[in-house]
Protein backbone atom coordinates (compact mmCIF):
# COMPACT_ATOMS: atom_id res chain seq x y z
CA MET A 1 25.48 82.65 120.66
CA THR A 2 28.09 80.35 119.75
CA GLU A 3 27.57 76.54 121.29
CA GLY A 4 30.13 76.51 124.54
CA LEU A 5 30.86 79.98 124.38
CA SER A 6 28.30 81.52 127.06
CA LEU A 7 28.53 84.07 130.48
CA GLN A 8 28.30 80.42 131.97
CA THR A 9 31.42 79.17 130.56
CA ILE A 10 33.08 82.41 130.94
CA ALA A 11 32.54 82.52 134.86
CA GLU A 12 33.60 78.60 134.72
CA ALA A 13 36.76 80.17 133.20
CA GLY A 14 37.01 82.85 135.69
CA ASP A 15 37.22 79.93 138.18
CA ARG A 16 39.67 77.56 136.66
CA LEU A 17 42.18 80.99 136.63
CA ARG A 18 41.42 82.20 140.20
CA GLY A 19 44.58 82.21 142.26
CA ILE A 20 46.58 81.46 139.00
CA ILE A 21 46.91 84.62 137.23
CA HIS A 22 46.10 88.15 137.73
CA ARG A 23 43.61 90.47 138.55
CA THR A 24 45.23 92.99 135.97
CA PRO A 25 44.19 97.08 137.22
CA ILE A 26 42.25 99.48 135.50
CA VAL A 27 44.62 102.74 135.25
CA THR A 28 43.76 105.64 135.27
CA THR A 29 44.73 108.72 132.65
CA HIS A 30 44.66 112.54 134.28
CA SER A 31 48.03 113.10 131.60
CA GLU A 32 45.81 114.21 128.92
CA PRO A 33 42.99 116.82 128.38
CA TRP A 34 40.73 114.78 127.06
CA PRO A 35 38.58 116.35 124.17
CA LEU A 36 34.89 116.69 124.48
CA GLY A 37 34.83 115.52 127.98
CA ALA A 38 35.72 112.09 127.44
CA GLU A 39 37.50 109.72 129.65
CA LEU A 40 40.02 107.13 129.57
CA ARG A 41 40.84 104.24 131.76
CA LEU A 42 43.87 101.50 130.54
CA LYS A 43 43.04 97.95 131.64
CA ALA A 44 46.32 96.86 132.19
CA GLU A 45 46.98 93.03 130.83
CA ASN A 46 50.89 94.00 130.02
CA PHE A 47 51.06 93.31 133.75
CA GLN A 48 49.05 89.58 132.86
CA VAL A 49 51.52 86.62 133.44
CA THR A 50 53.71 85.94 130.35
CA GLY A 51 53.06 89.58 129.56
CA SER A 52 49.42 89.47 127.43
CA PHE A 53 45.68 88.47 128.08
CA LYS A 54 46.63 85.19 126.48
CA ILE A 55 47.48 83.03 129.46
CA ARG A 56 43.86 83.66 129.88
CA GLY A 57 42.49 81.46 126.93
CA ALA A 58 45.40 79.40 127.18
CA PHE A 59 45.34 78.17 130.70
CA ASN A 60 41.46 78.14 130.54
CA LYS A 61 41.65 75.27 127.21
CA ILE A 62 44.49 73.35 129.04
CA ALA A 63 42.98 72.33 131.94
CA VAL A 64 39.70 71.23 130.60
CA LEU A 65 42.37 68.84 128.17
CA GLU A 66 44.46 68.23 131.66
CA GLN A 67 41.26 66.20 132.61
CA GLY A 68 41.68 63.89 130.08
CA SER A 69 44.63 61.86 129.19
CA VAL A 70 46.33 64.21 126.92
CA GLN A 71 50.42 64.16 127.15
CA GLY A 72 51.51 67.03 125.63
CA VAL A 73 49.80 70.10 123.00
CA VAL A 74 51.10 72.07 120.12
CA THR A 75 49.54 75.11 119.21
CA ALA A 76 50.54 78.04 116.52
CA SER A 77 51.63 81.53 117.17
CA SER A 78 53.04 85.00 116.54
CA GLY A 79 54.10 85.13 120.06
CA ASN A 80 52.22 85.58 122.72
CA HIS A 81 49.63 82.76 122.57
CA GLY A 82 53.02 80.61 122.54
CA GLN A 83 54.20 81.82 125.51
CA ALA A 84 50.89 81.48 127.34
CA VAL A 85 50.82 77.84 126.04
CA ALA A 86 54.32 76.42 127.03
CA TRP A 87 53.43 78.45 130.81
CA ALA A 88 49.83 76.51 130.91
CA ALA A 89 52.08 73.58 129.86
CA ARG A 90 54.86 73.41 132.56
CA HIS A 91 52.13 74.31 134.83
CA PHE A 92 50.31 70.78 134.55
CA GLY A 93 53.05 69.17 133.60
CA LEU A 94 53.06 68.36 129.72
CA ALA A 95 54.74 68.90 126.93
CA ALA A 96 54.68 71.78 124.45
CA ILE A 97 55.29 72.48 120.55
CA VAL A 98 54.51 75.90 119.48
CA VAL A 99 55.03 76.51 115.57
CA VAL A 100 55.94 80.19 114.97
CA PRO A 101 56.65 82.62 112.03
CA LYS A 102 59.82 82.98 110.53
CA THR A 103 59.10 86.68 111.72
CA ALA A 104 58.09 85.84 115.03
CA PRO A 105 60.14 88.41 117.81
CA GLN A 106 62.83 86.45 119.11
CA SER A 107 62.24 88.00 122.64
CA LYS A 108 58.83 86.28 122.21
CA ILE A 109 60.18 82.96 121.45
CA HIS A 110 62.77 82.75 123.95
CA ALA A 111 60.20 83.43 126.24
CA ALA A 112 58.71 80.43 124.98
CA GLN A 113 61.29 78.44 125.07
CA SER A 114 62.43 79.96 128.82
CA TYR A 115 58.96 77.74 130.07
CA GLY A 116 59.99 74.07 128.22
CA ALA A 117 58.11 74.42 124.78
CA GLU A 118 59.71 73.04 121.70
CA VAL A 119 59.63 75.78 118.87
CA GLU A 120 59.27 75.21 115.13
CA TYR A 121 59.51 77.69 112.95
CA CYS A 122 56.57 77.66 109.41
CA GLY A 123 56.43 80.34 107.20
CA THR A 124 55.16 83.84 107.34
CA THR A 125 51.43 83.50 107.31
CA SER A 126 49.32 82.54 110.41
CA GLN A 127 47.80 79.58 107.79
CA GLU A 128 50.51 78.07 107.09
CA ARG A 129 51.75 78.11 111.06
CA LEU A 130 48.04 76.49 112.11
CA GLU A 131 48.25 74.08 109.10
CA ARG A 132 51.83 72.65 110.16
CA ALA A 133 50.39 72.68 113.55
CA GLU A 134 47.39 70.75 113.57
CA LEU A 135 49.50 68.26 111.89
CA ILE A 136 52.22 67.64 114.15
CA ALA A 137 49.15 67.34 116.62
CA LYS A 138 48.36 63.92 114.57
CA GLU A 139 51.77 63.04 113.90
CA ARG A 140 52.53 62.85 117.73
CA GLY A 141 48.98 62.15 119.59
CA TYR A 142 49.04 66.13 121.44
CA ALA A 143 46.23 67.89 121.40
CA PHE A 144 45.95 71.29 119.22
CA VAL A 145 45.00 74.69 121.18
CA PRO A 146 44.10 76.95 119.00
CA PRO A 147 45.09 80.57 119.36
CA TYR A 148 41.53 82.14 118.81
CA ASP A 149 38.79 80.03 117.33
CA ASP A 150 37.97 78.08 120.42
CA PRO A 151 34.84 78.36 122.58
CA GLU A 152 37.26 77.28 125.65
CA VAL A 153 40.03 79.54 124.66
CA MET A 154 37.41 82.33 123.82
CA SER A 155 35.76 81.96 127.69
CA GLY A 156 39.01 82.51 129.10
CA GLN A 157 39.29 85.46 127.24
CA GLY A 158 36.08 86.76 128.16
CA THR A 159 37.02 86.57 131.92
CA ILE A 160 38.52 90.01 131.15
CA GLY A 161 34.92 91.50 130.14
CA LEU A 162 33.92 90.16 133.77
CA GLU A 163 36.69 92.06 135.39
CA ILE A 164 35.90 95.63 133.76
CA VAL A 165 32.54 95.72 134.46
CA GLU A 166 33.11 94.35 137.95
CA ASP A 167 35.56 96.81 138.98
CA TRP A 168 34.12 100.03 136.47
CA PRO A 169 30.69 99.52 136.72
CA GLU A 170 30.07 102.77 135.27
CA VAL A 171 31.91 102.35 131.92
CA GLU A 172 30.46 103.35 128.63
CA VAL A 173 32.66 101.73 126.07
CA VAL A 174 35.36 99.16 125.96
CA LEU A 175 37.77 99.04 123.29
CA VAL A 176 39.21 95.60 122.33
CA PRO A 177 42.46 94.94 119.47
CA ILE A 178 41.47 92.18 116.56
CA GLY A 179 43.62 89.76 115.93
CA GLY A 180 41.77 86.47 115.34
CA GLY A 181 38.78 87.97 117.19
CA GLY A 182 39.03 85.20 119.94
CA LEU A 183 39.96 87.92 122.36
CA ILE A 184 37.18 90.40 121.17
CA SER A 185 34.62 87.72 121.05
CA GLY A 186 34.65 86.46 124.72
CA ILE A 187 35.00 90.16 125.81
CA ALA A 188 31.87 91.50 123.52
CA THR A 189 29.87 87.77 124.78
CA ALA A 190 30.32 88.76 128.46
CA ILE A 191 29.47 92.43 128.57
CA LYS A 192 26.62 92.38 126.16
CA SER A 193 25.21 88.84 128.50
CA ILE A 194 25.06 91.53 131.51
CA ARG A 195 25.48 94.97 129.81
CA PRO A 196 23.93 95.33 126.49
CA ASP A 197 24.06 99.01 127.12
CA ILE A 198 27.89 99.18 126.92
CA LEU A 199 29.81 99.93 123.51
CA VAL A 200 32.28 97.09 122.43
CA ILE A 201 34.67 98.96 119.65
CA GLY A 202 36.84 96.79 118.15
CA VAL A 203 40.25 98.19 116.68
CA GLU A 204 42.58 96.63 114.03
CA ALA A 205 45.52 97.44 112.40
CA ALA A 206 44.46 99.70 109.04
CA GLY A 207 47.70 97.14 107.17
CA ALA A 208 45.19 94.17 108.52
CA ALA A 209 42.13 94.68 108.99
CA LYS A 210 39.88 92.01 107.83
CA ALA A 211 36.89 92.04 110.35
CA TRP A 212 36.45 95.49 108.88
CA THR A 213 36.62 94.40 105.32
CA SER A 214 34.73 91.33 106.03
CA ARG A 215 32.00 94.11 107.55
CA LEU A 216 31.93 95.81 104.82
CA ARG A 217 31.79 92.81 102.20
CA HIS A 218 28.96 91.34 104.92
CA GLN A 219 31.21 87.95 104.72
CA ARG A 220 34.19 86.23 106.47
CA ILE A 221 37.18 87.62 104.32
CA ILE A 222 40.70 86.38 104.25
CA LEU A 223 43.10 88.89 102.93
CA ASP A 224 45.80 88.28 100.53
CA HIS A 225 48.53 89.83 102.87
CA THR A 226 49.35 92.08 105.77
CA ASP A 227 51.25 94.76 106.18
CA THR A 228 51.80 96.15 110.07
CA ILE A 229 54.10 97.02 113.14
CA ALA A 230 51.35 95.29 115.52
CA ASP A 231 52.73 91.37 114.95
CA GLY A 232 49.88 90.56 117.25
CA ILE A 233 47.03 91.37 114.87
CA LYS A 234 47.93 91.05 111.94
CA THR A 235 46.15 87.73 111.17
CA LEU A 236 44.74 86.85 107.40
CA ALA A 237 41.37 86.44 108.83
CA LEU A 238 38.60 86.31 111.81
CA GLY A 239 37.78 82.84 112.81
CA VAL A 240 35.05 80.62 111.50
CA LEU A 241 33.60 80.68 114.81
CA THR A 242 34.91 84.41 116.01
CA TYR A 243 33.61 85.87 113.04
CA PRO A 244 29.57 85.53 113.53
CA ILE A 245 30.27 86.77 117.52
CA VAL A 246 32.06 90.08 116.08
CA GLU A 247 28.98 90.51 113.74
CA GLN A 248 26.57 90.04 115.89
CA SER A 249 27.84 91.39 119.51
CA VAL A 250 30.82 93.77 118.33
CA ASP A 251 29.49 97.13 117.46
CA HIS A 252 31.78 99.08 115.70
CA LEU A 253 35.19 98.86 113.90
CA LEU A 254 37.75 101.55 113.46
CA THR A 255 41.16 100.99 112.15
CA VAL A 256 44.25 102.60 112.97
CA ASN A 257 47.36 103.19 111.11
CA ASP A 258 50.90 102.38 112.50
CA ALA A 259 52.11 105.67 112.66
CA ALA A 260 48.98 105.83 115.59
CA ILE A 261 50.21 102.91 117.11
CA MET A 262 53.65 103.96 117.41
CA GLN A 263 52.72 107.70 118.96
CA ALA A 264 50.28 105.48 121.67
CA VAL A 265 53.37 103.24 122.83
CA ARG A 266 55.14 106.19 123.65
CA TRP A 267 52.67 107.86 125.41
CA LEU A 268 51.85 104.66 127.22
CA LEU A 269 55.58 104.56 128.33
CA PHE A 270 56.11 108.29 128.61
CA ARG A 271 53.36 109.69 130.28
CA HIS A 272 52.05 107.06 132.19
CA LYS A 273 55.23 104.17 132.21
CA LEU A 274 53.35 101.08 130.55
CA LEU A 275 54.98 99.46 128.21
CA ALA A 276 52.69 98.12 125.60
CA GLU A 277 53.62 96.26 122.56
CA PRO A 278 52.20 97.60 119.26
CA SER A 279 49.22 95.08 119.12
CA GLY A 280 48.17 96.13 122.75
CA ALA A 281 48.54 100.13 121.93
CA ALA A 282 46.23 99.90 118.99
CA THR A 283 43.03 100.75 121.13
CA VAL A 284 44.57 104.17 122.88
CA ALA A 285 45.63 104.80 118.91
CA ALA A 286 42.05 104.62 118.22
CA PHE A 287 40.77 106.66 121.60
CA MET A 288 43.58 109.15 119.88
CA THR A 289 42.56 109.22 116.55
CA ASN A 290 38.59 109.10 116.44
CA PRO A 291 37.90 111.92 119.18
CA GLU A 292 33.45 112.04 118.45
CA TRP A 293 33.48 107.95 119.18
CA PHE A 294 34.33 109.08 122.99
CA SER A 295 32.55 112.60 123.54
CA GLY A 296 31.19 112.72 126.70
CA ARG A 297 31.97 108.81 127.49
CA ARG A 298 33.85 106.56 130.16
CA ALA A 299 36.23 104.54 127.88
CA VAL A 300 38.11 101.49 128.72
CA ALA A 301 41.15 101.00 126.60
CA LEU A 302 42.34 97.30 126.43
CA LEU A 303 46.36 97.08 126.90
CA SER A 304 46.22 92.93 125.65
CA GLY A 305 50.20 93.00 125.92
CA GLY A 306 53.66 94.23 127.03
CA ASN A 307 55.94 91.89 125.18
CA ILE A 308 57.27 94.28 122.84
CA ASP A 309 60.87 92.87 120.91
CA PRO A 310 63.61 95.30 122.02
CA ASN A 311 64.62 96.15 118.25
CA VAL A 312 60.57 97.23 117.57
CA LEU A 313 60.61 99.19 120.87
CA ARG A 314 64.02 100.64 119.91
CA SER A 315 63.24 101.95 116.51
CA ILE A 316 59.03 103.04 117.71
CA LEU A 317 61.34 105.45 120.48
């Protein structure tokens, strides 16, 4: 168990978030005759405040920081975490700076700016923007809000696991997308603490399979590059803190290619009127392309966000 991350810290995060964010629904799917008696439901974090799950961890972290004398916050993000930090900072009356890659979707950047954040572009990799954000934090005396590798951020994300188990106790499998690993670390900690029988399956884009590669090689691997349409999960590596949690608490890992992810985006939109960004649709893609994993099982696929760039959506459609 990572220090600072436990069922108790996740429950405390839930208390901080109550009344601030949405308790998102678990949506049933009846438009497909799923093979082998499987049942799929969707945890719709695309309906969440700022359009993704990221507000849970960002708000929880900033709520804790705000108890001190912090004047502002800075973070590094491909988009969703930056929006969440900007929104939470505005809630507490704090300044916010978001360091984004040069390739970040403009729609996500504009959203962060609309919440009052200052945006700075830096490089194309997660490591470049993390280093720049930490430098800015030191220069300005602001607090750094990590996108995933932080117990309070992970605790906030873990509230999703509590909600899933409470709202559908019969669930047997939970599919979670993996970027830096903060989301699945929090969810797996929550679920395994109260229902160790539930399978937690991590899903990665094939072009950014750092967790799968790390498990294969029995060590934390930093990829040389990533290539996927799913910008929210194209990090080069799991976090130093998240890697051991993924190894200990995540039962299986699956990878999906971009074609399957785009098919899932279209299916969610046309069959269920749910708009999911590619990172959010990856879990549905995994369910659709690996039916043997879900034979006779009740599964929840986490739609982690719906902040899709209009140009990307146009190309997918």
